[in-house]
Structures are given as structure tokens and as C-alpha cells.
Amino acid sequence: MPGERALHRGNAPVEDYGRTAMTGFDFDSPTVEWLRSRGTARWEDVAEGVIPLWVAEMDFRVAPPIQQAIEDMVAKHAYGYPRDNGLRHSWAAWAKKVQGLTVDPLKVRYLRNVLSGVQLAIRTYSAPGSPVIVPSPAYMPFWKVPGLEGREIISVPMVDSDLGWTLDLDGIDAAFTKGAGSIILCQPYNPLGRVFTADELRGLAEVVERHHGFVISDEIHGPLVPVCEKRKASVPYASISEQAAAHSVLVSSASKSFNIPGLMTAFISLFTDEQAKLWDQKVHPLDAEGATTIGMAANKAAFDSGQEWLDAANCYIHDNAVWLSETLADQLPGVSYRIPEGTYLGWLDFSAYELPASPGEWLLRHARIRLNDGPTFGPGGEGHARINFATPRYLLEEAVDRMVSAINDR
């Protein structure tokens, strides 16, 4: 395969790309052998020799406080059903300190994952049968979840402008006029990497308030903003006004930002007494339960003690994003790509190279790298692919080398 090198690091010295020495956290050294040995879907669902830069998880070791919390639970054989361990208070304290969001811990409800929270919020806070607005392209499951509640989807394409990808407020207004009852917001936005500003969110809130609609805000990527660039934390939708909080809920977890998605723990933050009352009346415990004992311990440790690791990881990821931008501009200038403001995901436009509508499939066959194919993100995904660069730099470099060779040699 052109451009392909063996993916084995063994005990060879690991090049330090800067952040490891600066922070004390080692993001460079995970080997392919170690990554495969973990048995997770990211690496097990691809053939040997393929570089997997697809599913949204990291190729890094977790923060030491999280690992310690898990080991402490294992040492105590703490495998029983979970009880409230104070996670809701830890989340509320983190949200206030880092994002300026006021969360009442007594209005936080635990979930098995964020998507179950999105589904239950659609059921609980919008009229039965009312359509759900999904901006596009969108995180793949958003195209499935409304249907589980018997809802139609109104797709509203994002607007690609000189300022970056923005919400089409006129299109959202028209969708509410057609009868939509709710909108799924992703902040930061997966797959486009936008972190919406407070002014942008206020514009959305005005539209939603005018139509008496409801916002289900998936903010699982909220902590993934690079502080090394002096960027402020992601702005929670509910933080912009009392009205916005009253017509929204926030679903999140430490799973994406602290690399613990397999521990199946999430939560939903409710912001009014009426929201809490409706949730407790309408949501059966069997639908919401599923958070795990170890997952709750890991989430709590993340919010209590994981910030130093998170800041370092965010900066390492940002360095990868900048390197990717510079390398593509030099070696594949036809690929359109913006450095994301948040997340560890990049949206690559291959349209200029006239690859198939599903470039991810083409790159898997011809470059042996696995990305998420653009069409799976819905309208607007044709000719695109999503890349995950939360990986050691040597793997990202090899993947891009393969991409360049495959496209130039086609």
C-alpha cells in the first residue's frame, strides 16, 4: 500500500511533540500493540494495519485520578447497584467554576448515556407527535432517536459562511412554524467543531421562545475547548438567560472529555421546578436507569480532580489540529478543513478531489485509514469525512501520509 509503514513502536524512543514535557502527562507513547490489547471497538472493529480515526474516543491513558478511583472501586469489589455518590454535586461545582453555569444538584438525574437523555427529553418536554428539528450535518444517532418516539425530523442545514458554520435561524424559525416542538442542539457541535457564542445562542433562544419550543442541548463535548489558546469554556445554552434555562435541558457526561465512554454513566440537568416535576412524573425509572457504580465513581473523579489532565489533553489535541491544518494546506490543498473551536473532531471536505460521495469508504480501501463517512451525518455530508485526532502524533502523521499518497496516486 503506497505510503504505508508498519504500525509498531515497540520499545523505540518516543518523540516528544512538546506537550508531554510541558505537562507531565504522556500522550505520545501509547503503542498500537497497547491500543489493540484493550479490546475496544475503535481498534477491534478494523483490520490489523488500518489506522482507526473514527469513533469519538481518545487513544490516551485516562487521567490518574480517574484510574485511581476505578482501581479503588475494584479493590473493594464494588460491583453492586449504584447509589448517589455525590456526582451531581461534583458536576454542579465544575459547571459553575469552569462554565459559569448554575446547576441545582437536586435537579440532576442520572442516565446510562446521553442519547437516552435526549430521547426521554423529547418524550417529556414536547407535544406528542411534534417534529424534532435537527441541524445538519449532525451526530449520526440524532437521525435515529426522534423516530424512537414516533417523531418526524425537520432537517435544517447549517450555514457555511466566512465566519464559520452557523445555525440557520430563519430555517429553524420556519421549522417551528411548521409545527416542530423541539430542537436538538449540540454544543460544541459534532461534527463541525463549532463552539457557539453567547450571542449566537441568544439568537436561537429568541426563536425558540417566540414559538414556545424546547431545546435539548447535548453538551457532552463541552469540556473539550483548548485553554492553551486562551479560549473560554464552551457556553452552556442554559446559561444565557432565565428564559433559555426554562425552555431547555442539558445532557452530558465526563465520558467524551475524559475518555471513559464504556463506563455508561451520564446525567441530565433540569433547570426549573416544573421540569423536575414533569421528569419525575413521566420518566419511568426503568427507562432512565443504567448508570453504573464504577462509571459514577469515574465521572465524579473527573469533575473533582481531572482538570489538570483535561487542560493538557485539550492542548495536545489542539496541537494535532493545527498540525493537521498546516499539513493539509501544504500537501492536500484541495481538502477544505477548519481547525475546530471545540471537540477533537475535524470535518474534512474532499469535494475538490472528485472522490466518491462516501470518501471514508474510499480511504479505507485505498489508504487503510478509517474515518467516519460524511453521508452518515445526514444532508450536507456528501463528499466529507470526520477525522478524530485525539491520538498520538505518530499515528496522525502516518494516517495523513497514507491519505496524501492515496489521493495523489489515484
Protein backbone atom coordinates (compact mmCIF):
# COMPACT_ATOMS: atom_id res chain seq x y z
CA MET A 1 0.00 0.00 0.00
CA PRO A 2 1.59 3.34 -1.01
CA GLY A 3 2.74 5.40 1.95
CA GLU A 4 2.05 2.65 4.48
CA ARG A 5 4.57 1.86 7.19
CA ALA A 6 4.45 -0.81 9.84
CA LEU A 7 2.49 0.36 12.88
CA HIS A 8 4.72 -1.00 15.61
CA ARG A 9 6.58 1.19 18.05
CA GLY A 10 7.82 -1.50 20.42
CA ASN A 11 10.36 -0.08 22.85
CA ALA A 12 11.71 2.52 20.46
CA PRO A 13 12.16 6.03 21.86
CA VAL A 14 9.03 8.13 21.59
CA GLU A 15 9.38 11.56 20.06
CA ASP A 16 8.09 14.29 22.37
CA TYR A 17 5.98 16.76 20.42
CA GLY A 18 6.10 19.34 23.20
CA ARG A 19 3.08 18.90 25.42
CA THR A 20 4.30 15.81 27.26
CA ALA A 21 7.37 17.54 28.65
CA MET A 22 5.37 20.67 29.46
CA THR A 23 2.54 18.96 31.31
CA GLY A 24 3.95 15.72 32.69
CA PHE A 25 1.15 13.73 31.02
CA ASP A 26 2.22 11.26 28.35
CA PHE A 27 0.07 11.47 25.23
CA ASP A 28 2.76 10.43 22.75
CA SER A 29 3.75 6.93 23.78
CA PRO A 30 0.68 4.63 23.51
CA THR A 31 1.67 1.91 21.06
CA VAL A 32 -0.54 0.16 18.56
CA GLU A 33 0.03 -3.08 20.45
CA TRP A 34 -1.22 -1.48 23.67
CA LEU A 35 -4.17 0.20 21.97
CA ARG A 36 -5.26 -3.07 20.37
CA SER A 37 -4.78 -5.00 23.61
CA ARG A 38 -7.60 -3.04 25.27
CA GLY A 39 -10.19 -4.73 23.08
CA THR A 40 -12.31 -1.62 22.45
CA ALA A 41 -14.43 -1.10 19.35
CA ARG A 42 -12.25 1.70 17.98
CA TRP A 43 -9.39 -0.73 17.34
CA GLU A 44 -11.10 -4.11 17.28
CA ASP A 45 -13.58 -3.17 14.55
CA VAL A 46 -10.85 -2.58 11.97
CA ALA A 47 -8.43 -4.96 10.29
CA GLU A 48 -4.87 -5.10 11.50
CA GLY A 49 -2.82 -2.40 9.83
CA VAL A 50 -5.73 0.01 9.48
CA ILE A 51 -5.41 3.28 11.43
CA PRO A 52 -8.76 3.96 13.15
CA LEU A 53 -9.50 7.67 13.47
CA TRP A 54 -13.26 7.33 13.62
CA VAL A 55 -15.39 6.75 16.74
CA ALA A 56 -15.27 9.60 19.28
CA GLU A 57 -12.94 8.31 21.94
CA MET A 58 -9.29 9.02 22.66
CA ASP A 59 -6.16 6.92 22.23
CA PHE A 60 -4.79 8.23 25.54
CA ARG A 61 -4.49 6.84 29.04
CA VAL A 62 -7.11 8.30 31.34
CA ALA A 63 -6.39 10.91 33.99
CA PRO A 64 -4.60 9.39 37.01
CA PRO A 65 -7.36 10.41 39.48
CA ILE A 66 -9.91 8.57 37.35
CA GLN A 67 -7.78 5.45 37.09
CA GLN A 68 -7.24 5.54 40.85
CA ALA A 69 -10.97 5.91 41.53
CA ILE A 70 -11.68 2.89 39.34
CA GLU A 71 -8.95 0.82 40.97
CA ASP A 72 -10.28 1.76 44.41
CA MET A 73 -13.75 0.52 43.44
CA VAL A 74 -12.31 -2.71 42.02
CA ALA A 75 -10.24 -3.28 45.17
CA LYS A 76 -13.44 -3.04 47.20
CA HIS A 77 -15.32 -5.35 44.79
CA ALA A 78 -17.85 -2.52 44.39
CA TYR A 79 -19.91 -4.10 41.64
CA GLY A 80 -23.37 -3.70 43.16
CA TYR A 81 -26.17 -1.41 42.09
CA PRO A 82 -25.21 2.28 42.26
CA ARG A 83 -26.27 4.80 44.85
CA ASP A 84 -25.87 8.55 44.65
CA ASN A 85 -22.18 9.12 45.34
CA GLY A 86 -22.27 12.90 45.11
CA LEU A 87 -21.60 13.03 41.37
CA ARG A 88 -24.43 15.54 40.89
CA HIS A 89 -22.73 17.92 43.33
CA SER A 90 -19.34 17.45 41.66
CA TRP A 91 -20.85 18.19 38.26
CA ALA A 92 -22.63 21.29 39.58
CA ALA A 93 -19.42 22.60 41.16
CA TRP A 94 -17.43 22.00 37.96
CA ALA A 95 -20.10 23.63 35.76
CA LYS A 96 -20.15 26.73 37.96
CA LYS A 97 -16.38 27.07 38.22
CA VAL A 98 -15.45 26.31 34.61
CA GLN A 99 -18.52 27.33 32.60
CA GLY A 100 -20.33 29.78 34.83
CA LEU A 101 -23.47 27.65 34.75
CA THR A 102 -25.65 27.40 37.84
CA VAL A 103 -26.90 23.85 38.32
CA ASP A 104 -29.12 22.77 41.20
CA PRO A 105 -27.74 19.34 42.17
CA LEU A 106 -31.22 18.28 43.29
CA LYS A 107 -32.44 18.77 39.72
CA VAL A 108 -29.81 16.46 38.20
CA ARG A 109 -30.97 12.98 37.16
CA TYR A 110 -28.65 10.10 36.30
CA LEU A 111 -28.76 8.22 32.99
CA ARG A 112 -26.96 5.36 31.27
CA ASN A 113 -25.89 7.59 28.37
CA VAL A 114 -26.56 10.95 26.78
CA LEU A 115 -28.71 9.58 23.96
CA SER A 116 -31.20 8.07 26.41
CA GLY A 117 -31.46 11.55 27.92
CA VAL A 118 -32.14 13.09 24.52
CA GLN A 119 -34.86 10.53 23.83
CA LEU A 120 -36.52 10.94 27.21
CA ALA A 121 -36.39 14.73 26.94
CA ILE A 122 -38.17 14.60 23.57
CA ARG A 123 -40.86 12.46 25.17
CA THR A 124 -41.19 14.59 28.29
CA TYR A 125 -40.91 18.17 27.09
CA SER A 126 -42.51 18.33 23.65
CA ALA A 127 -46.03 17.63 22.45
CA PRO A 128 -46.70 14.03 21.37
CA GLY A 129 -46.18 13.66 17.66
CA SER A 130 -44.49 17.04 17.19
CA PRO A 131 -41.50 17.01 14.83
CA VAL A 132 -37.95 17.48 16.08
CA ILE A 133 -35.54 19.92 14.45
CA VAL A 134 -32.08 18.53 13.70
CA PRO A 135 -29.45 20.90 12.26
CA SER A 136 -27.37 19.11 9.65
CA PRO A 137 -24.90 17.58 9.22
CA ALA A 138 -25.47 16.04 12.64
CA TYR A 139 -24.14 13.41 15.02
CA MET A 140 -25.38 10.18 13.48
CA PRO A 141 -27.74 8.93 16.25
CA PHE A 142 -29.68 12.21 16.14
CA TRP A 143 -31.23 10.90 12.93
CA LYS A 144 -32.48 7.81 14.79
CA VAL A 145 -33.55 8.97 18.25
CA PRO A 146 -36.64 11.05 17.34
CA GLY A 147 -38.07 8.07 15.47
CA LEU A 148 -37.94 6.01 18.66
CA GLU A 149 -40.56 8.42 19.99
CA GLY A 150 -42.60 8.33 16.79
CA ARG A 151 -41.40 11.77 15.71
CA GLU A 152 -40.56 13.10 12.30
CA ILE A 153 -37.37 15.09 11.77
CA ILE A 154 -37.15 18.50 10.15
CA SER A 155 -33.59 18.92 8.93
CA VAL A 156 -32.22 22.46 8.88
CA PRO A 157 -28.81 22.71 7.18
CA MET A 158 -26.07 24.64 8.91
CA VAL A 159 -24.85 27.73 7.05
CA ASP A 160 -21.25 27.73 5.84
CA SER A 161 -20.04 31.33 5.87
CA ASP A 162 -16.78 33.24 6.12
CA LEU A 163 -17.37 33.31 9.87
CA GLY A 164 -17.61 29.52 10.03
CA TRP A 165 -20.57 27.21 10.36
CA THR A 166 -23.59 28.92 11.89
CA LEU A 167 -27.14 27.98 12.79
CA ASP A 168 -29.76 28.92 10.20
CA LEU A 169 -32.10 30.83 12.49
CA ASP A 170 -34.53 31.61 9.67
CA GLY A 171 -34.69 27.92 8.79
CA ILE A 172 -35.21 26.99 12.44
CA ASP A 173 -37.93 29.62 12.73
CA ALA A 174 -39.67 28.15 9.68
CA ALA A 175 -39.41 24.64 11.12
CA PHE A 176 -41.08 25.72 14.36
CA THR A 177 -43.76 27.47 12.28
CA LYS A 178 -44.41 24.12 10.57
CA GLY A 179 -45.16 22.55 13.95
CA ALA A 180 -41.84 21.39 15.36
CA GLY A 181 -41.87 21.24 19.14
CA SER A 182 -38.19 20.88 19.94
CA ILE A 183 -34.66 21.16 18.59
CA ILE A 184 -31.60 19.06 19.35
CA LEU A 185 -28.63 21.36 19.91
CA CYS A 186 -25.05 20.08 20.03
CA GLN A 187 -22.69 22.47 21.86
CA PRO A 188 -19.84 22.17 20.89
CA TYR A 189 -21.08 20.98 17.53
CA ASN A 190 -20.31 17.46 16.37
CA PRO A 191 -19.10 17.01 13.60
CA LEU A 192 -18.30 20.62 12.65
CA GLY A 193 -16.35 21.65 15.74
CA ARG A 194 -18.12 24.97 16.29
CA VAL A 195 -18.48 26.37 19.79
CA PHE A 196 -21.46 28.67 19.54
CA THR A 197 -21.05 32.09 21.13
CA ALA A 198 -23.42 33.55 23.69
CA ASP A 199 -24.78 35.92 21.02
CA GLU A 200 -25.49 33.02 18.66
CA LEU A 201 -27.28 31.14 21.42
CA ARG A 202 -29.31 34.23 22.32
CA GLY A 203 -30.46 34.39 18.72
CA LEU A 204 -31.59 30.78 18.91
CA ALA A 205 -33.29 31.40 22.26
CA GLU A 206 -35.33 34.25 20.78
CA VAL A 207 -36.64 31.95 18.06
CA VAL A 208 -37.41 29.13 20.49
CA GLU A 209 -39.12 31.45 22.97
CA ARG A 210 -41.25 33.00 20.24
CA HIS A 211 -42.58 29.58 19.27
CA HIS A 212 -42.82 28.16 22.80
CA GLY A 213 -40.40 25.46 21.70
CA PHE A 214 -37.91 23.41 23.67
CA VAL A 215 -34.13 22.89 23.39
CA ILE A 216 -32.46 19.59 24.19
CA SER A 217 -28.82 20.56 24.49
CA ASP A 218 -26.26 17.78 24.15
CA GLU A 219 -23.15 19.28 25.76
CA ILE A 220 -21.09 16.14 26.19
CA HIS A 221 -18.20 17.81 24.33
CA GLY A 222 -18.48 20.95 26.47
CA PRO A 223 -15.17 20.48 28.33
CA LEU A 224 -13.23 19.95 25.08
CA VAL A 225 -12.05 23.52 24.44
CA PRO A 226 -8.29 24.28 24.28
CA VAL A 227 -7.37 26.59 27.14
CA CYS A 228 -3.87 26.91 25.67
CA GLU A 229 -5.41 29.17 23.03
CA LYS A 230 -6.94 31.37 25.74
CA ARG A 231 -10.35 30.27 24.59
CA LYS A 232 -13.16 30.44 27.06
CA ALA A 233 -15.06 27.34 28.04
CA SER A 234 -18.00 26.28 25.94
CA VAL A 235 -21.03 28.45 26.72
CA PRO A 236 -23.89 26.29 28.04
CA TYR A 237 -27.18 27.13 26.36
CA ALA A 238 -29.00 27.38 29.70
CA SER A 239 -26.52 29.97 30.97
CA ILE A 240 -27.50 32.77 28.61
CA SER A 241 -30.82 33.73 30.25
CA GLU A 242 -33.54 32.59 32.61
CA GLN A 243 -35.83 32.11 29.62
CA ALA A 244 -33.31 29.86 27.89
CA ALA A 245 -32.90 27.76 31.03
CA ALA A 246 -36.67 27.47 31.40
CA HIS A 247 -37.12 26.08 27.88
CA SER A 248 -34.13 23.72 27.83
CA VAL A 249 -32.39 20.82 29.47
CA LEU A 250 -28.71 19.87 29.32
CA VAL A 251 -27.48 16.31 28.86
CA SER A 252 -23.83 15.48 29.42
CA SER A 253 -21.22 13.16 30.89
CA ALA A 254 -17.49 13.04 31.53
CA SER A 255 -17.31 10.20 29.02
CA LYS A 256 -16.07 12.03 25.91
CA SER A 257 -13.84 14.64 27.51
CA PHE A 258 -12.18 12.25 29.97
CA ASN A 259 -12.16 9.16 27.72
CA ILE A 260 -14.42 6.84 29.71
CA PRO A 261 -17.34 6.17 27.30
CA GLY A 262 -17.51 2.46 28.09
CA LEU A 263 -18.47 3.11 31.72
CA MET A 264 -22.03 4.07 30.72
CA THR A 265 -22.85 6.96 33.01
CA ALA A 266 -24.44 10.30 32.10
CA PHE A 267 -26.85 12.84 33.55
CA ILE A 268 -29.46 15.41 32.63
CA SER A 269 -29.61 18.83 34.28
CA LEU A 270 -33.09 20.28 34.73
CA PHE A 271 -33.44 23.98 35.44
CA THR A 272 -36.91 24.62 36.84
CA ASP A 273 -39.21 23.03 39.38
CA GLU A 274 -41.71 22.34 36.60
CA GLN A 275 -39.11 20.50 34.52
CA ALA A 276 -38.17 18.36 37.51
CA LYS A 277 -41.81 17.64 38.28
CA LEU A 278 -42.54 16.58 34.71
CA TRP A 279 -39.45 14.37 34.55
CA ASP A 280 -40.29 12.58 37.78
CA GLN A 281 -43.90 12.11 36.67
CA LYS A 282 -43.32 10.99 33.08
CA VAL A 283 -39.99 9.13 33.09
CA HIS A 284 -40.20 5.60 34.38
CA PRO A 285 -37.10 4.51 36.32
CA LEU A 286 -36.68 1.52 34.00
CA ASP A 287 -36.23 3.93 31.08
CA ALA A 288 -33.67 6.12 32.83
CA GLU A 289 -31.66 3.72 34.95
CA GLY A 290 -28.40 2.23 33.78
CA ALA A 291 -25.67 4.44 35.23
CA THR A 292 -23.03 2.16 36.69
CA THR A 293 -21.35 2.16 40.08
CA ILE A 294 -17.85 2.40 38.62
CA GLY A 295 -18.97 4.87 35.96
CA MET A 296 -20.36 7.21 38.60
CA ALA A 297 -17.13 6.99 40.59
CA ALA A 298 -15.08 7.74 37.47
CA ASN A 299 -17.28 10.68 36.49
CA LYS A 300 -17.03 12.13 39.98
CA ALA A 301 -13.24 11.82 39.98
CA ALA A 302 -13.13 13.51 36.58
CA PHE A 303 -15.01 16.59 37.73
CA ASP A 304 -13.34 16.70 41.14
CA SER A 305 -9.72 16.10 40.17
CA GLY A 306 -9.29 15.73 36.41
CA GLN A 307 -8.97 19.33 35.25
CA GLU A 308 -5.17 19.41 35.02
CA TRP A 309 -5.16 16.33 32.79
CA LEU A 310 -8.05 17.72 30.72
CA ASP A 311 -6.28 21.02 30.10
CA ALA A 312 -3.16 19.16 28.97
CA ALA A 313 -5.14 16.79 26.74
CA ASN A 314 -7.04 19.68 25.15
CA CYS A 315 -3.80 21.44 24.30
CA TYR A 316 -2.21 18.29 22.87
CA ILE A 317 -5.33 17.76 20.77
CA HIS A 318 -5.24 21.37 19.61
CA ASP A 319 -1.60 20.97 18.56
CA ASN A 320 -2.67 17.97 16.49
CA ALA A 321 -5.48 20.00 14.93
CA VAL A 322 -3.09 22.80 13.97
CA TRP A 323 -0.54 20.32 12.59
CA LEU A 324 -3.30 18.71 10.51
CA SER A 325 -4.35 22.09 9.12
CA GLU A 326 -0.82 23.06 8.15
CA THR A 327 -0.04 19.67 6.62
CA LEU A 328 -3.22 19.50 4.56
CA ALA A 329 -2.69 23.05 3.32
CA ASP A 330 0.79 22.06 2.15
CA GLN A 331 0.21 18.55 0.82
CA LEU A 332 -3.52 18.31 0.04
CA PRO A 333 -4.60 21.92 -0.52
CA GLY A 334 -7.84 20.79 -2.10
CA VAL A 335 -9.11 19.43 1.23
CA SER A 336 -11.17 22.06 2.99
CA TYR A 337 -10.78 21.96 6.78
CA ARG A 338 -11.21 24.41 9.62
CA ILE A 339 -9.45 23.99 12.94
CA PRO A 340 -12.31 23.18 15.33
CA GLU A 341 -13.07 25.53 18.21
CA GLY A 342 -14.01 22.55 20.35
CA THR A 343 -14.13 18.72 20.30
CA TYR A 344 -11.32 16.55 18.94
CA LEU A 345 -13.08 16.05 15.63
CA GLY A 346 -12.34 17.58 12.23
CA TRP A 347 -14.69 17.89 9.26
CA LEU A 348 -12.83 17.26 6.01
CA ASP A 349 -14.25 18.26 2.61
CA PHE A 350 -12.78 16.17 -0.20
CA SER A 351 -15.10 17.52 -2.91
CA ALA A 352 -12.30 19.17 -4.88
CA TYR A 353 -10.67 15.78 -5.49
CA GLU A 354 -13.79 14.23 -7.00
CA LEU A 355 -13.67 11.21 -4.74
CA PRO A 356 -16.85 9.16 -4.35
CA ALA A 357 -19.70 10.67 -2.31
CA SER A 358 -18.51 8.47 0.55
CA PRO A 359 -14.80 9.35 0.80
CA GLY A 360 -14.45 7.48 4.08
CA GLU A 361 -15.13 4.19 2.31
CA TRP A 362 -12.66 5.10 -0.43
CA LEU A 363 -9.94 5.99 2.08
CA LEU A 364 -10.49 2.76 3.99
CA ARG A 365 -9.92 0.76 0.81
CA HIS A 366 -7.11 2.80 -0.71
CA ALA A 367 -5.30 4.32 2.29
CA ARG A 368 -6.19 1.88 5.08
CA ILE A 369 -7.37 4.60 7.40
CA ARG A 370 -10.83 4.58 8.91
CA LEU A 371 -12.69 7.86 9.24
CA ASN A 372 -16.42 8.43 9.76
CA ASP A 373 -18.05 8.77 6.36
CA GLY A 374 -19.74 12.10 5.73
CA PRO A 375 -23.07 10.77 4.39
CA THR A 376 -23.75 9.05 7.74
CA PHE A 377 -24.09 12.55 9.24
CA GLY A 378 -27.09 13.28 7.03
CA PRO A 379 -27.72 16.05 4.50
CA GLY A 380 -24.57 18.01 3.77
CA GLY A 381 -22.27 15.10 4.47
CA GLU A 382 -21.65 14.06 0.89
CA GLY A 383 -18.01 14.34 -0.10
CA HIS A 384 -16.93 14.76 3.52
CA ALA A 385 -15.45 12.65 6.30
CA ARG A 386 -14.93 13.19 10.02
CA ILE A 387 -11.47 12.63 11.47
CA ASN A 388 -10.65 12.08 15.15
CA PHE A 389 -7.23 13.46 16.08
CA ALA A 390 -7.25 12.57 19.79
CA THR A 391 -4.41 10.19 19.08
CA PRO A 392 -0.61 10.13 19.41
CA ARG A 393 1.00 12.34 16.80
CA TYR A 394 2.89 9.49 15.13
CA LEU A 395 -0.42 7.80 14.25
CA LEU A 396 -1.91 11.02 12.91
CA GLU A 397 1.21 11.62 10.81
CA GLU A 398 1.10 8.11 9.36
CA ALA A 399 -2.63 8.43 8.61
CA VAL A 400 -2.14 11.71 6.76
CA ASP A 401 0.84 10.29 4.85
CA ARG A 402 -1.38 7.46 3.67
CA MET A 403 -4.17 9.87 2.77
CA VAL A 404 -1.82 12.06 0.73
CA SER A 405 -0.32 9.08 -1.11
CA ALA A 406 -3.68 7.51 -1.89
CA ILE A 407 -5.20 10.70 -3.26
CA ASN A 408 -2.15 11.78 -5.24
CA ASP A 409 -1.61 8.29 -6.69
CA ARG A 410 -5.23 7.58 -7.63
